[in-house]
Amino acid sequence: PRMEDMGYDCMAEHIARARDTTAVFKPGRGMSAAEIAAAKAEFAELHDLHLQAVNAAGNIFTSGQFFGLLLVMLLGVLVITNEFQYQTATATFIMTPRRTQVVFGKLIAVLGLGIVFWLVARIVSLVVGLLFFHNLGLTNALGEWPVQRAIIFNLIAYLLWALLGFGLGT
């Protein structure tokens, strides 16, 4: 199973397996040289503590993404549609007769709200992740590029889903 599909307990098990220094690679019977090489590479990857910690950090520090993205998308829809639902759009367009200016203003607001939602989710996941790594006695791997890349892509995902919701509402 992939690390993205696992919970904190399973990530802790992967890290515990990587810490096990007594593990020895034993190829299965009847395996070809290519199969042995692939199995040996997988074994080495599963027992690489640093790699497992980085994989876990990337997943932990971007956790909560599904519901966060869904909420940001719904927020994007509501920002553009609420004026029509509550019939305040007429007053808005009387005050600002150029519709594109209003729509772009709302777009900027939606993207700003997407960033705020991302920040709140990241603060919560950072606190939980730092506690997780502290309890395991490992570094948090925040200085590693794969973890930083995951956090940056998470921000981009929040902005894109906010934009998607805004587009659906429009």
Protein backbone atom coordinates (compact mmCIF):
# COMPACT_ATOMS: atom_id res chain seq x y z
CA PRO A 1 0.00 0.00 0.00
CA ARG A 2 1.04 3.57 -0.65
CA MET A 3 1.94 5.91 2.21
CA GLU A 4 -0.78 8.36 1.11
CA ASP A 5 -3.44 5.77 1.88
CA MET A 6 -2.26 5.09 5.42
CA GLY A 7 -3.03 6.49 8.84
CA TYR A 8 -0.60 7.60 11.52
CA ASP A 9 -0.40 4.10 13.03
CA CYS A 10 0.61 2.54 9.75
CA MET A 11 3.22 5.27 9.14
CA ALA A 12 4.60 4.59 12.60
CA GLU A 13 4.78 0.87 11.69
CA HIS A 14 6.70 1.68 8.50
CA ILE A 15 9.13 3.80 10.50
CA ALA A 16 9.49 1.04 13.11
CA ARG A 17 10.22 -1.46 10.32
CA ALA A 18 12.84 0.89 8.89
CA ARG A 19 14.45 1.15 12.35
CA ASP A 20 14.76 -2.63 12.60
CA THR A 21 18.46 -3.32 12.09
CA THR A 22 18.08 -7.08 12.43
CA ALA A 23 16.12 -7.46 9.18
CA VAL A 24 17.92 -9.39 6.48
CA PHE A 25 16.96 -9.69 2.83
CA LYS A 26 16.05 -13.25 1.86
CA PRO A 27 15.12 -13.84 -1.78
CA GLY A 28 12.32 -16.28 -2.50
CA ARG A 29 12.87 -19.58 -4.24
CA GLY A 30 12.69 -19.67 -7.98
CA MET A 31 13.12 -15.92 -8.42
CA SER A 32 14.91 -14.64 -11.49
CA ALA A 33 17.85 -12.25 -11.20
CA ALA A 34 15.61 -9.33 -12.19
CA GLU A 35 13.00 -10.28 -9.58
CA ILE A 36 15.70 -10.60 -6.91
CA ALA A 37 17.09 -7.17 -7.83
CA ALA A 38 13.62 -5.60 -7.68
CA ALA A 39 12.85 -7.30 -4.35
CA LYS A 40 16.22 -6.20 -2.95
CA ALA A 41 15.54 -2.58 -4.02
CA GLU A 42 12.09 -2.68 -2.39
CA PHE A 43 13.57 -4.17 0.78
CA ALA A 44 16.21 -1.43 0.89
CA GLU A 45 13.54 1.25 0.40
CA LEU A 46 11.34 -0.18 3.15
CA HIS A 47 14.29 -0.25 5.55
CA ASP A 48 15.61 3.23 4.76
CA LEU A 49 14.66 5.21 7.89
CA HIS A 50 15.34 8.61 6.36
CA LEU A 51 13.20 7.86 3.30
CA GLN A 52 10.35 6.54 5.44
CA ALA A 53 10.50 9.62 7.67
CA VAL A 54 10.43 11.95 4.66
CA ASN A 55 7.48 10.04 3.12
CA ALA A 56 5.60 10.16 6.42
CA ALA A 57 6.35 13.88 6.87
CA GLY A 58 5.06 14.70 3.41
CA ASN A 59 1.83 12.88 4.13
CA ILE A 60 1.36 14.16 7.67
CA PHE A 61 2.07 17.80 6.89
CA THR A 62 -0.50 17.77 4.07
CA SER A 63 -3.15 15.71 5.86
CA GLY A 64 -6.75 16.85 5.92
CA GLN A 65 -6.51 17.78 2.29
CA PHE A 66 -9.69 16.09 1.07
CA PHE A 67 -12.10 17.95 3.33
CA GLY A 68 -10.12 21.18 3.11
CA LEU A 69 -10.26 21.18 -0.67
CA LEU A 70 -13.94 20.35 -0.65
CA LEU A 71 -14.68 23.22 1.74
CA VAL A 72 -12.64 25.67 -0.31
CA MET A 73 -14.47 24.63 -3.47
CA LEU A 74 -17.85 25.10 -1.77
CA LEU A 75 -16.72 28.47 -0.45
CA GLY A 76 -15.76 29.49 -3.99
CA VAL A 77 -19.23 28.56 -5.21
CA LEU A 78 -20.93 30.45 -2.38
CA VAL A 79 -18.91 33.63 -2.81
CA ILE A 80 -20.16 34.10 -6.35
CA THR A 81 -23.72 32.75 -5.95
CA ASN A 82 -24.85 34.23 -2.63
CA GLU A 83 -25.56 37.67 -4.07
CA PHE A 84 -27.99 36.16 -6.53
CA GLN A 85 -29.60 33.95 -3.91
CA TYR A 86 -30.20 36.85 -1.52
CA GLN A 87 -30.84 39.30 -4.38
CA THR A 88 -28.16 41.78 -3.34
CA ALA A 89 -26.51 41.59 -6.78
CA THR A 90 -28.60 44.50 -8.04
CA ALA A 91 -27.22 46.82 -5.37
CA THR A 92 -23.70 45.61 -6.04
CA PHE A 93 -23.94 46.27 -9.76
CA ILE A 94 -25.51 49.70 -9.19
CA MET A 95 -22.54 50.64 -6.99
CA THR A 96 -20.02 49.09 -9.41
CA PRO A 97 -21.55 49.00 -12.90
CA ARG A 98 -18.62 47.09 -14.43
CA ARG A 99 -19.33 43.41 -13.82
CA THR A 100 -15.79 42.29 -14.61
CA GLN A 101 -14.47 44.45 -11.79
CA VAL A 102 -16.90 42.82 -9.35
CA VAL A 103 -16.12 39.31 -10.57
CA PHE A 104 -12.35 39.85 -10.38
CA GLY A 105 -12.74 41.32 -6.90
CA LYS A 106 -14.62 38.22 -5.82
CA LEU A 107 -11.98 36.04 -7.48
CA ILE A 108 -9.23 37.72 -5.47
CA ALA A 109 -11.32 37.28 -2.31
CA VAL A 110 -11.85 33.58 -3.04
CA LEU A 111 -8.13 33.02 -3.61
CA GLY A 112 -7.38 34.88 -0.37
CA LEU A 113 -9.86 32.69 1.50
CA GLY A 114 -8.26 29.63 -0.07
CA ILE A 115 -4.90 30.74 1.33
CA VAL A 116 -6.45 31.32 4.77
CA PHE A 117 -8.02 27.85 4.77
CA TRP A 118 -4.69 26.36 3.67
CA LEU A 119 -2.84 28.20 6.46
CA VAL A 120 -5.26 26.99 9.12
CA ALA A 121 -5.06 23.40 7.87
CA ARG A 122 -1.25 23.57 7.70
CA ILE A 123 -0.94 24.96 11.22
CA VAL A 124 -3.07 22.12 12.58
CA SER A 125 -1.18 19.47 10.58
CA LEU A 126 2.20 20.97 11.55
CA VAL A 127 1.34 20.81 15.24
CA VAL A 128 0.11 17.22 14.93
CA GLY A 129 3.07 16.24 12.76
CA LEU A 130 5.65 17.78 15.08
CA LEU A 131 4.10 15.91 18.00
CA PHE A 132 4.09 12.68 15.98
CA PHE A 133 7.78 12.95 15.11
CA HIS A 134 8.72 14.07 18.60
CA ASN A 135 6.99 11.01 20.09
CA LEU A 136 8.92 8.76 17.68
CA GLY A 137 12.19 10.52 18.43
CA LEU A 138 12.80 11.49 14.79
CA THR A 139 13.48 14.77 13.05
CA ASN A 140 10.45 16.23 11.33
CA ALA A 141 12.05 16.40 7.84
CA LEU A 142 10.63 19.88 7.17
CA GLY A 143 13.97 20.85 5.68
CA GLU A 144 13.73 18.17 2.99
CA TRP A 145 12.71 19.22 -0.51
CA PRO A 146 10.10 16.42 -1.00
CA VAL A 147 8.28 17.61 2.13
CA GLN A 148 8.47 21.25 1.13
CA ARG A 149 7.31 20.36 -2.38
CA ALA A 150 4.31 18.50 -0.94
CA ILE A 151 3.36 21.54 1.14
CA ILE A 152 3.73 23.87 -1.87
CA PHE A 153 1.66 21.56 -4.07
CA ASN A 154 -0.92 21.46 -1.30
CA LEU A 155 -1.19 25.27 -1.45
CA ILE A 156 -1.55 25.11 -5.22
CA ALA A 157 -4.28 22.49 -4.85
CA TYR A 158 -6.20 24.74 -2.43
CA LEU A 159 -5.97 27.66 -4.86
CA LEU A 160 -7.02 25.53 -7.83
CA TRP A 161 -10.01 24.08 -5.99
CA ALA A 162 -11.05 27.57 -4.85
CA LEU A 163 -10.81 28.64 -8.49
CA LEU A 164 -12.81 25.56 -9.58
CA GLY A 165 -15.58 26.38 -7.11
CA PHE A 166 -15.60 29.98 -8.23
CA GLY A 167 -15.87 28.86 -11.85
CA LEU A 168 -18.71 26.46 -11.05
CA GLY A 169 -20.55 29.20 -9.20
CA THR A 170 -20.05 31.64 -12.04
